[in-house]
Amino acid sequence: MIQRWHKKKTHLPFIAIVFFLFVLCTIFYNERRFQEIHRKENRKTGDQNDVNTTFSIKSTPSSSGILDRFSTCNSTVKYKGQKAESLVQTDEQEEMDDYCNVFSGRWVFDNISFPLYNESDCPYMSDQLACRKHGRPDLMYQNWRWQPHGCNLKRWNATEMWDKLRGKRLMFVGDSLNRGQWISMLCLLESVIPAEKKSITPNAPLTIFRAEEYNATVEFQWAPLIVESNSDDPVNHRLDERIIRPDSVLRHASEWEHVDILVFNSYLWWRQGPVKLLWSNEKNGVCEEAESLDAMELAMDEWANWIESNVNPLKKKVFFVTMSPTHLWSREWEPGTEGNCYNEKTPIKDENYWGSGSDLATMGMVANIVNKLKSKVRVLNITQMSEYRKDGHPSIYRKFWESRSAEQLANPTSYSDCIHWCLPGVPDVWNQLLFHFL
């Protein structure tokens, strides 16, 4: 009995030791696994060698893949000159043989044919562009017709335009200037559609006007920087810093794929200082800061890559509208003065006039990129013709969403809008050019 008891007693410590070692190994293994997982998470959100910053994955804009107005850069470094891979060939585009250059010409006063519609009759008019409604006393800005040298621009015909759009989607993509062109197009087109046969969606990143009997839509997509950005909210986009994904148009392009006619613009928003770049493969919220021209070139390259890969010119028409000029300094057209577009009533007659509101370096960069796309993109060169129209801006005759001080009200030039355009007005001629080429 005693011997058997002692025999059992000698086995129990051994079993306990084995069990203890097994538990210890399991704990050690799980601890190692936890540390390894923790290290991997740290590599996603932790310090980089060249940035002395601690990151939190919750505040990293790229962690969810969404870039919006709440996104911020966790840190910023100088732009290294990285470029997205270009799919576009570098061959120069051959000049197209047009009957004439419709972009070269002069403004002719015509109070019989123009305006092409009445401001008060258009139900889609914007208070930002309705200058007569907001007290503009002179109305000559509505009566100027663009006359090319050596030929005539195709006369506007709303029914013919709807025939061109039958069964199709026409989409304007860009900033508030392109939105103004879209509103102009709606005002030019809507009067021939019965009230019960037309509708429009509420203001959104994509706003759609539908003409039922033509099975057609005229749409506007808010994308002021072409690529994805933190300013893609169509209402709340006034931010302290601009952040873009220079290598991604996917959020916007998901709508472009099924559109028959695309009209792009991009320029004004690039003239507001340096831009932050947040590349799609950046996981730690580290942005690069680039000069505006470099950032715009990256965005245009990415846009061109999408065009090159997705556009068959036999099935989809693409237009790019060149920069819309500003008239901020009257000394440029009338030396010795210190005003702006306020109280201007007639166009500039000097056909060699070129103001500081239009940047030749930017135009050259855009031309180089668009030329590589050959027949896939048609340029609407509205810059020179619009340069002459110092009289066409709202100045003080529009709705302002911020109240004006007594000091500002006493000096109208201090708050004049010399960027956007009154309607009816200059953007109607941009759409006449579009009609001409369709």
Protein backbone atom coordinates (compact mmCIF):
# COMPACT_ATOMS: atom_id res chain seq x y z
CA MET A 1 0.00 0.00 0.00
CA ILE A 2 2.70 2.42 1.04
CA GLN A 3 4.82 1.50 -1.95
CA ARG A 4 1.87 1.94 -4.33
CA TRP A 5 1.04 5.30 -2.72
CA HIS A 6 4.63 6.48 -3.11
CA LYS A 7 4.57 5.32 -6.71
CA LYS A 8 1.48 7.47 -7.48
CA LYS A 9 3.02 10.32 -5.62
CA THR A 10 6.09 10.29 -7.82
CA HIS A 11 3.90 10.62 -11.03
CA LEU A 12 1.78 13.58 -9.87
CA PRO A 13 4.58 16.23 -9.76
CA PHE A 14 5.72 15.12 -13.21
CA ILE A 15 2.21 15.54 -14.72
CA ALA A 16 1.84 18.91 -13.00
CA ILE A 17 5.20 20.05 -14.37
CA VAL A 18 4.25 18.99 -17.93
CA PHE A 19 0.88 20.75 -17.67
CA PHE A 20 2.55 23.89 -16.27
CA LEU A 21 5.09 23.93 -19.13
CA PHE A 22 2.28 23.52 -21.69
CA VAL A 23 0.35 26.49 -20.24
CA LEU A 24 3.54 28.57 -20.10
CA CYS A 25 4.35 27.85 -23.76
CA THR A 26 0.79 28.69 -24.79
CA ILE A 27 0.94 32.03 -22.98
CA PHE A 28 4.36 32.78 -24.47
CA TYR A 29 3.16 31.89 -27.99
CA ASN A 30 0.04 34.07 -27.67
CA GLU A 31 2.09 36.93 -26.28
CA ARG A 32 4.46 36.69 -29.25
CA ARG A 33 1.49 36.65 -31.62
CA PHE A 34 -0.02 39.70 -29.91
CA GLN A 35 3.27 41.57 -30.11
CA GLU A 36 3.66 40.70 -33.79
CA ILE A 37 0.12 41.92 -34.57
CA HIS A 38 0.76 45.03 -32.51
CA ARG A 39 3.99 45.71 -34.42
CA LYS A 40 2.15 45.36 -37.74
CA GLU A 41 -0.45 47.87 -36.60
CA ASN A 42 2.32 50.20 -35.50
CA ARG A 43 3.91 49.94 -38.91
CA LYS A 44 0.59 51.09 -40.37
CA THR A 45 0.18 54.02 -38.00
CA GLY A 46 3.54 54.54 -36.33
CA ASP A 47 6.54 56.82 -36.80
CA GLN A 48 8.32 57.05 -40.14
CA ASN A 49 12.08 57.45 -40.29
CA ASP A 50 11.87 60.93 -41.81
CA VAL A 51 8.89 62.27 -39.81
CA ASN A 52 9.02 62.70 -36.04
CA THR A 53 5.28 62.34 -35.47
CA THR A 54 3.09 59.83 -33.66
CA PHE A 55 0.08 58.82 -35.73
CA SER A 56 -3.34 57.54 -34.78
CA ILE A 57 -5.11 55.33 -37.27
CA LYS A 58 -8.44 56.93 -36.35
CA SER A 59 -7.28 60.34 -37.62
CA THR A 60 -5.57 59.12 -40.75
CA PRO A 61 -7.57 60.10 -43.83
CA SER A 62 -6.32 57.17 -45.89
CA SER A 63 -7.16 54.51 -43.32
CA SER A 64 -10.75 54.34 -44.62
CA GLY A 65 -9.85 55.34 -48.17
CA ILE A 66 -12.07 58.42 -47.90
CA LEU A 67 -10.81 61.95 -48.45
CA ASP A 68 -13.36 64.56 -47.36
CA ARG A 69 -13.62 67.98 -45.72
CA PHE A 70 -12.82 66.49 -42.30
CA SER A 71 -9.54 64.98 -43.51
CA THR A 72 -6.27 66.48 -42.35
CA CYS A 73 -2.59 65.81 -42.90
CA ASN A 74 -0.91 64.25 -39.89
CA SER A 75 2.29 65.87 -41.06
CA THR A 76 3.66 67.55 -44.17
CA VAL A 77 6.93 67.13 -46.03
CA LYS A 78 8.25 68.82 -49.13
CA TYR A 79 7.05 67.43 -52.47
CA LYS A 80 9.64 64.95 -53.76
CA GLY A 81 8.70 65.21 -57.40
CA GLN A 82 6.88 61.87 -57.53
CA LYS A 83 4.61 61.40 -60.53
CA ALA A 84 1.89 58.90 -61.28
CA GLU A 85 2.72 56.55 -64.12
CA SER A 86 1.56 58.08 -67.38
CA LEU A 87 -0.32 55.98 -69.91
CA VAL A 88 -0.39 58.77 -72.47
CA GLN A 89 1.95 58.75 -75.44
CA THR A 90 4.15 61.81 -75.95
CA ASP A 91 3.46 62.34 -79.64
CA GLU A 92 2.35 65.86 -80.45
CA GLN A 93 -1.16 66.36 -81.74
CA GLU A 94 -1.49 67.54 -85.30
CA GLU A 95 -3.45 70.74 -85.77
CA MET A 96 -7.07 70.17 -86.75
CA ASP A 97 -8.17 71.83 -89.97
CA ASP A 98 -11.26 73.83 -89.10
CA TYR A 99 -13.15 75.99 -91.53
CA CYS A 100 -11.87 78.87 -89.41
CA ASN A 101 -10.61 79.57 -85.93
CA VAL A 102 -13.84 80.33 -84.10
CA PHE A 103 -11.89 81.26 -80.97
CA SER A 104 -10.35 84.31 -82.64
CA GLY A 105 -12.71 87.22 -83.15
CA ARG A 106 -14.42 90.20 -81.54
CA TRP A 107 -17.57 91.06 -79.60
CA VAL A 108 -20.33 92.75 -81.62
CA PHE A 109 -23.22 94.57 -79.97
CA ASP A 110 -26.47 92.82 -80.95
CA ASN A 111 -29.63 93.73 -79.04
CA ILE A 112 -31.84 91.91 -81.55
CA SER A 113 -30.49 88.34 -81.35
CA PHE A 114 -29.20 88.58 -77.77
CA PRO A 115 -29.86 87.69 -75.04
CA LEU A 116 -30.80 84.14 -75.97
CA TYR A 117 -33.17 83.92 -72.95
CA ASN A 118 -34.49 86.16 -70.18
CA GLU A 119 -32.92 85.91 -66.74
CA SER A 120 -36.28 85.99 -64.96
CA ASP A 121 -37.75 83.24 -67.18
CA CYS A 122 -35.13 80.62 -66.27
CA PRO A 123 -36.26 78.62 -63.20
CA TYR A 124 -32.74 77.29 -62.64
CA MET A 125 -31.00 80.67 -62.44
CA SER A 126 -28.46 81.03 -59.62
CA ASP A 127 -28.52 84.05 -57.29
CA GLN A 128 -24.75 84.17 -57.73
CA LEU A 129 -25.23 84.93 -61.45
CA ALA A 130 -28.57 86.79 -61.63
CA CYS A 131 -27.16 90.31 -61.93
CA ARG A 132 -30.34 92.06 -63.06
CA LYS A 133 -32.31 90.56 -60.18
CA HIS A 134 -29.73 91.92 -57.75
CA GLY A 135 -29.89 95.46 -59.01
CA ARG A 136 -27.49 95.82 -61.93
CA PRO A 137 -28.76 98.99 -63.68
CA ASP A 138 -27.01 98.55 -67.06
CA LEU A 139 -28.05 95.56 -69.20
CA MET A 140 -25.75 95.88 -72.21
CA TYR A 141 -23.68 92.95 -70.91
CA GLN A 142 -26.49 90.70 -72.20
CA ASN A 143 -26.36 91.99 -75.79
CA TRP A 144 -22.90 91.05 -77.07
CA ARG A 145 -22.47 88.42 -79.79
CA TRP A 146 -19.17 86.67 -80.51
CA GLN A 147 -18.09 87.17 -84.12
CA PRO A 148 -15.14 85.01 -85.29
CA HIS A 149 -12.83 86.45 -87.93
CA GLY A 150 -13.61 85.11 -91.39
CA CYS A 151 -16.67 82.97 -90.58
CA ASN A 152 -19.77 82.72 -88.40
CA LEU A 153 -20.37 80.73 -85.26
CA LYS A 154 -23.24 78.29 -85.57
CA ARG A 155 -26.40 80.04 -84.41
CA TRP A 156 -27.95 78.61 -81.26
CA ASN A 157 -31.00 76.39 -81.71
CA ALA A 158 -32.42 74.69 -78.61
CA THR A 159 -34.44 72.06 -80.49
CA GLU A 160 -31.46 71.10 -82.62
CA MET A 161 -29.33 70.81 -79.47
CA TRP A 162 -31.91 68.47 -77.89
CA ASP A 163 -31.82 66.37 -81.05
CA LYS A 164 -28.06 66.06 -80.60
CA LEU A 165 -28.63 65.03 -76.97
CA ARG A 166 -31.45 62.56 -77.61
CA GLY A 167 -30.86 59.40 -75.56
CA LYS A 168 -27.61 60.81 -74.18
CA ARG A 169 -26.02 62.15 -70.99
CA LEU A 170 -24.22 65.50 -71.11
CA MET A 171 -22.15 66.18 -68.00
CA PHE A 172 -20.22 69.28 -66.94
CA VAL A 173 -17.42 68.44 -64.48
CA GLY A 174 -15.54 71.08 -62.52
CA ASP A 175 -15.84 74.14 -60.31
CA SER A 176 -18.30 77.03 -59.91
CA LEU A 177 -17.35 78.46 -63.31
CA ASN A 178 -18.27 75.18 -64.96
CA ARG A 179 -21.42 75.13 -62.85
CA GLY A 180 -22.22 78.56 -64.30
CA GLN A 181 -21.82 77.11 -67.80
CA TRP A 182 -24.14 74.25 -66.82
CA ILE A 183 -26.77 76.70 -65.53
CA SER A 184 -26.39 78.65 -68.77
CA MET A 185 -27.03 75.43 -70.71
CA LEU A 186 -30.16 74.71 -68.68
CA CYS A 187 -31.47 78.21 -69.32
CA LEU A 188 -30.72 77.85 -73.05
CA LEU A 189 -32.50 74.49 -73.27
CA GLU A 190 -35.32 74.29 -70.76
CA SER A 191 -37.87 76.59 -72.42
CA VAL A 192 -38.69 74.11 -75.21
CA ILE A 193 -39.46 71.31 -72.72
CA PRO A 194 -43.00 71.24 -71.20
CA ALA A 195 -43.05 71.66 -67.43
CA GLU A 196 -44.42 68.14 -66.83
CA LYS A 197 -41.64 66.64 -68.99
CA LYS A 198 -38.65 68.06 -67.11
CA SER A 199 -37.21 67.65 -63.63
CA ILE A 200 -34.05 68.34 -61.65
CA THR A 201 -32.50 66.61 -58.64
CA PRO A 202 -31.55 68.59 -55.50
CA ASN A 203 -28.09 70.11 -55.28
CA ALA A 204 -25.60 67.30 -54.71
CA PRO A 205 -22.13 66.19 -55.85
CA LEU A 206 -23.99 65.21 -59.03
CA THR A 207 -27.02 67.32 -59.98
CA ILE A 208 -29.16 66.07 -62.88
CA PHE A 209 -31.65 67.82 -65.16
CA ARG A 210 -33.87 65.37 -67.09
CA ALA A 211 -35.81 65.97 -70.29
CA GLU A 212 -38.25 63.08 -70.48
CA GLU A 213 -39.33 63.29 -74.11
CA TYR A 214 -35.72 63.26 -75.31
CA ASN A 215 -34.61 60.65 -72.78
CA ALA A 216 -31.66 62.96 -72.10
CA THR A 217 -29.93 64.48 -69.09
CA VAL A 218 -27.78 67.59 -68.60
CA GLU A 219 -25.73 67.10 -65.45
CA PHE A 220 -23.20 68.88 -63.27
CA GLN A 221 -20.60 67.15 -61.10
CA TRP A 222 -18.75 69.20 -58.51
CA ALA A 223 -15.06 68.30 -58.87
CA PRO A 224 -13.09 71.57 -58.67
CA LEU A 225 -9.66 69.89 -58.66
CA ILE A 226 -10.54 67.03 -61.08
CA VAL A 227 -8.90 64.40 -58.84
CA GLU A 228 -10.31 63.41 -55.45
CA SER A 229 -9.91 66.12 -52.83
CA ASN A 230 -11.09 67.30 -49.44
CA SER A 231 -13.07 70.01 -51.28
CA ASP A 232 -15.45 67.65 -53.08
CA ASP A 233 -18.47 68.66 -51.00
CA PRO A 234 -20.54 70.90 -53.32
CA VAL A 235 -21.57 73.18 -50.43
CA ASN A 236 -19.02 72.96 -47.60
CA HIS A 237 -15.71 73.26 -49.41
CA ARG A 238 -14.12 76.44 -48.07
CA LEU A 239 -11.22 74.96 -46.15
CA ASP A 240 -7.96 76.27 -44.72
CA GLU A 241 -5.88 73.81 -46.73
CA ARG A 242 -6.44 71.93 -49.98
CA ILE A 243 -5.65 68.22 -49.94
CA ILE A 244 -5.80 66.12 -53.10
CA ARG A 245 -5.14 62.53 -54.10
CA PRO A 246 -2.99 63.27 -57.15
CA ASP A 247 -3.20 59.68 -58.37
CA SER A 248 -6.94 59.02 -58.14
CA VAL A 249 -10.03 60.16 -60.05
CA LEU A 250 -11.98 57.02 -59.17
CA ARG A 251 -14.63 58.68 -57.01
CA HIS A 252 -15.55 61.09 -59.81
CA ALA A 253 -14.82 58.80 -62.75
CA SER A 254 -17.36 56.22 -61.60
CA GLU A 255 -19.93 58.63 -63.06
CA TRP A 256 -17.94 59.51 -66.19
CA GLU A 257 -17.92 55.98 -67.55
CA HIS A 258 -21.52 56.02 -68.79
CA VAL A 259 -21.66 59.64 -69.98
CA ASP A 260 -21.81 60.41 -73.71
CA ILE A 261 -20.52 64.01 -73.65
CA LEU A 262 -18.15 65.26 -70.95
CA VAL A 263 -17.19 68.92 -70.48
CA PHE A 264 -14.32 69.49 -68.03
CA ASN A 265 -12.73 72.58 -66.57
CA SER A 266 -10.15 73.18 -63.85
CA TYR A 267 -8.04 76.23 -63.11
CA LEU A 268 -9.34 78.72 -60.56
CA TRP A 269 -8.89 76.51 -57.51
CA TRP A 270 -5.24 75.94 -58.35
CA ARG A 271 -4.48 79.66 -57.96
CA GLN A 272 -4.88 79.74 -54.20
CA GLY A 273 -1.43 78.80 -52.94
CA PRO A 274 0.36 75.48 -52.32
CA VAL A 275 -1.57 72.21 -52.37
CA LYS A 276 -1.18 69.18 -50.09
CA LEU A 277 -0.70 65.83 -51.84
CA LEU A 278 -1.92 62.65 -50.14
CA TRP A 279 -1.00 59.68 -52.31
CA SER A 280 -3.28 56.66 -52.35
CA ASN A 281 -0.56 54.34 -51.04
CA GLU A 282 0.24 56.62 -48.10
CA LYS A 283 -1.05 54.94 -44.91
CA ASN A 284 0.18 57.36 -42.25
CA GLY A 285 -1.44 60.62 -43.30
CA VAL A 286 1.85 62.16 -44.43
CA CYS A 287 1.19 64.80 -47.09
CA GLU A 288 3.60 66.43 -49.49
CA GLU A 289 3.26 70.15 -50.15
CA ALA A 290 3.58 71.16 -53.79
CA GLU A 291 3.35 74.40 -55.69
CA SER A 292 0.00 74.80 -57.41
CA LEU A 293 1.31 74.34 -60.96
CA ASP A 294 3.06 71.08 -60.03
CA ALA A 295 -0.06 69.83 -58.24
CA MET A 296 -2.32 70.73 -61.16
CA GLU A 297 0.00 68.96 -63.59
CA LEU A 298 -0.22 65.80 -61.48
CA ALA A 299 -4.01 66.03 -61.45
CA MET A 300 -4.18 66.65 -65.18
CA ASP A 301 -1.86 63.70 -65.84
CA GLU A 302 -4.13 61.41 -63.84
CA TRP A 303 -7.17 62.77 -65.68
CA ALA A 304 -5.39 62.17 -69.01
CA ASN A 305 -4.61 58.59 -67.97
CA TRP A 306 -8.30 57.97 -67.41
CA ILE A 307 -9.18 59.54 -70.79
CA GLU A 308 -6.54 57.47 -72.56
CA SER A 309 -7.79 54.23 -71.02
CA ASN A 310 -11.54 54.79 -71.16
CA VAL A 311 -12.51 57.07 -74.03
CA ASN A 312 -13.38 55.83 -77.49
CA PRO A 313 -13.87 59.06 -79.50
CA LEU A 314 -16.36 57.28 -81.76
CA LYS A 315 -18.64 56.71 -78.75
CA LYS A 316 -17.79 59.43 -76.21
CA LYS A 317 -17.05 63.11 -76.80
CA VAL A 318 -14.80 64.92 -74.34
CA PHE A 319 -14.23 68.69 -74.15
CA PHE A 320 -11.82 70.65 -71.97
CA VAL A 321 -12.67 74.30 -71.32
CA THR A 322 -9.61 76.53 -70.94
CA MET A 323 -9.20 78.97 -68.08
CA SER A 324 -11.81 81.62 -67.44
CA PRO A 325 -10.05 84.98 -66.92
CA THR A 326 -10.57 87.38 -64.04
CA HIS A 327 -10.60 91.19 -64.17
CA LEU A 328 -9.25 92.24 -60.79
CA TRP A 329 -7.04 95.18 -61.81
CA SER A 330 -8.41 97.92 -64.09
CA ARG A 331 -4.90 99.28 -64.59
CA GLU A 332 -4.30 96.34 -66.92
CA TRP A 333 -6.79 97.65 -69.50
CA GLU A 334 -6.84 101.30 -68.40
CA PRO A 335 -3.41 102.38 -67.08
CA GLY A 336 -3.46 104.78 -64.17
CA THR A 337 -6.70 103.51 -62.63
CA GLU A 338 -7.06 101.52 -59.39
CA GLY A 339 -10.39 99.80 -59.85
CA ASN A 340 -11.55 96.39 -61.08
CA CYS A 341 -14.56 95.07 -63.02
CA TYR A 342 -16.98 97.17 -60.96
CA ASN A 343 -18.94 99.66 -63.08
CA GLU A 344 -17.45 98.37 -66.35
CA LYS A 345 -20.03 98.47 -69.14
CA THR A 346 -18.26 97.57 -72.41
CA PRO A 347 -15.78 94.94 -73.63
CA ILE A 348 -12.09 95.55 -74.24
CA LYS A 349 -11.48 96.27 -77.92
CA ASP A 350 -7.73 95.64 -78.05
CA GLU A 351 -7.44 92.13 -79.52
CA ASN A 352 -3.91 91.80 -78.12
CA TYR A 353 -5.08 92.33 -74.55
CA TRP A 354 -3.99 89.69 -72.05
CA GLY A 355 -4.53 90.15 -68.32
CA SER A 356 -2.80 88.69 -65.28
CA GLY A 357 -5.90 86.62 -64.56
CA SER A 358 -4.80 84.17 -67.25
CA ASP A 359 -1.56 82.31 -66.64
CA LEU A 360 0.41 81.32 -69.74
CA ALA A 361 2.48 78.70 -67.90
CA THR A 362 -0.69 76.90 -66.80
CA MET A 363 -2.19 77.14 -70.27
CA GLY A 364 1.01 75.71 -71.79
CA MET A 365 1.05 72.80 -69.34
CA VAL A 366 -2.60 71.96 -70.03
CA ALA A 367 -2.06 72.24 -73.79
CA ASN A 368 0.87 69.81 -73.64
CA ILE A 369 -1.20 67.22 -71.79
CA VAL A 370 -4.34 67.61 -73.90
CA ASN A 371 -2.36 67.51 -77.15
CA LYS A 372 -1.08 64.05 -76.26
CA LEU A 373 -4.64 62.78 -76.17
CA LYS A 374 -5.08 63.61 -79.86
CA SER A 375 -8.65 63.14 -81.09
CA LYS A 376 -9.96 62.01 -77.68
CA VAL A 377 -10.35 65.57 -76.35
CA ARG A 378 -11.51 68.78 -78.00
CA VAL A 379 -10.39 72.07 -76.45
CA LEU A 380 -12.89 74.90 -76.02
CA ASN A 381 -10.54 77.87 -75.92
CA ILE A 382 -12.70 80.43 -74.18
CA THR A 383 -9.82 82.38 -72.60
CA GLN A 384 -9.03 85.08 -75.15
CA MET A 385 -12.66 85.86 -75.99
CA SER A 386 -13.50 86.08 -72.28
CA GLU A 387 -10.46 88.30 -71.61
CA TYR A 388 -12.21 91.10 -73.49
CA ARG A 389 -15.33 90.93 -71.30
CA LYS A 390 -14.39 93.01 -68.27
CA ASP A 391 -18.04 94.08 -68.23
CA GLY A 392 -19.47 90.58 -67.89
CA HIS A 393 -18.87 89.87 -64.18
CA PRO A 394 -21.44 90.26 -61.38
CA SER A 395 -19.24 92.70 -59.43
CA ILE A 396 -21.59 93.74 -56.57
CA TYR A 397 -24.80 92.62 -58.31
CA ARG A 398 -25.24 89.13 -56.90
CA LYS A 399 -26.23 87.45 -53.67
CA PHE A 400 -23.45 87.37 -51.10
CA TRP A 401 -23.77 84.85 -48.28
CA GLU A 402 -21.67 86.95 -45.90
CA SER A 403 -22.79 90.39 -44.75
CA ARG A 404 -20.78 93.44 -45.87
CA SER A 405 -19.39 96.03 -43.48
CA ALA A 406 -20.18 99.73 -43.83
CA GLU A 407 -16.60 100.28 -44.96
CA GLN A 408 -16.97 97.68 -47.72
CA LEU A 409 -20.32 99.04 -48.85
CA ALA A 410 -18.72 102.47 -49.18
CA ASN A 411 -16.08 100.96 -51.49
CA PRO A 412 -17.79 98.56 -53.94
CA THR A 413 -14.53 97.52 -55.60
CA SER A 414 -13.46 95.95 -52.28
CA TYR A 415 -15.99 93.15 -52.57
CA SER A 416 -16.80 92.98 -56.29
CA ASP A 417 -16.99 89.51 -57.82
CA CYS A 418 -14.74 89.78 -60.89
CA ILE A 419 -14.44 86.00 -61.27
CA HIS A 420 -17.89 84.62 -62.09
CA TRP A 421 -20.12 85.76 -64.96
CA CYS A 422 -23.58 87.31 -65.17
CA LEU A 423 -26.29 85.33 -66.96
CA PRO A 424 -27.40 85.80 -69.65
CA GLY A 425 -23.87 86.56 -70.76
CA VAL A 426 -20.45 85.18 -71.57
CA PRO A 427 -21.06 81.49 -70.62
CA ASP A 428 -23.90 81.38 -73.17
CA VAL A 429 -21.29 81.85 -75.88
CA TRP A 430 -19.16 79.08 -74.38
CA ASN A 431 -22.17 76.81 -74.84
CA GLN A 432 -22.68 78.12 -78.35
CA LEU A 433 -19.13 76.92 -79.06
CA LEU A 434 -20.02 73.51 -77.61
CA PHE A 435 -23.10 73.39 -79.83
CA HIS A 436 -20.92 74.38 -82.81
CA PHE A 437 -18.57 71.40 -82.31
CA LEU A 438 -21.24 68.81 -81.53
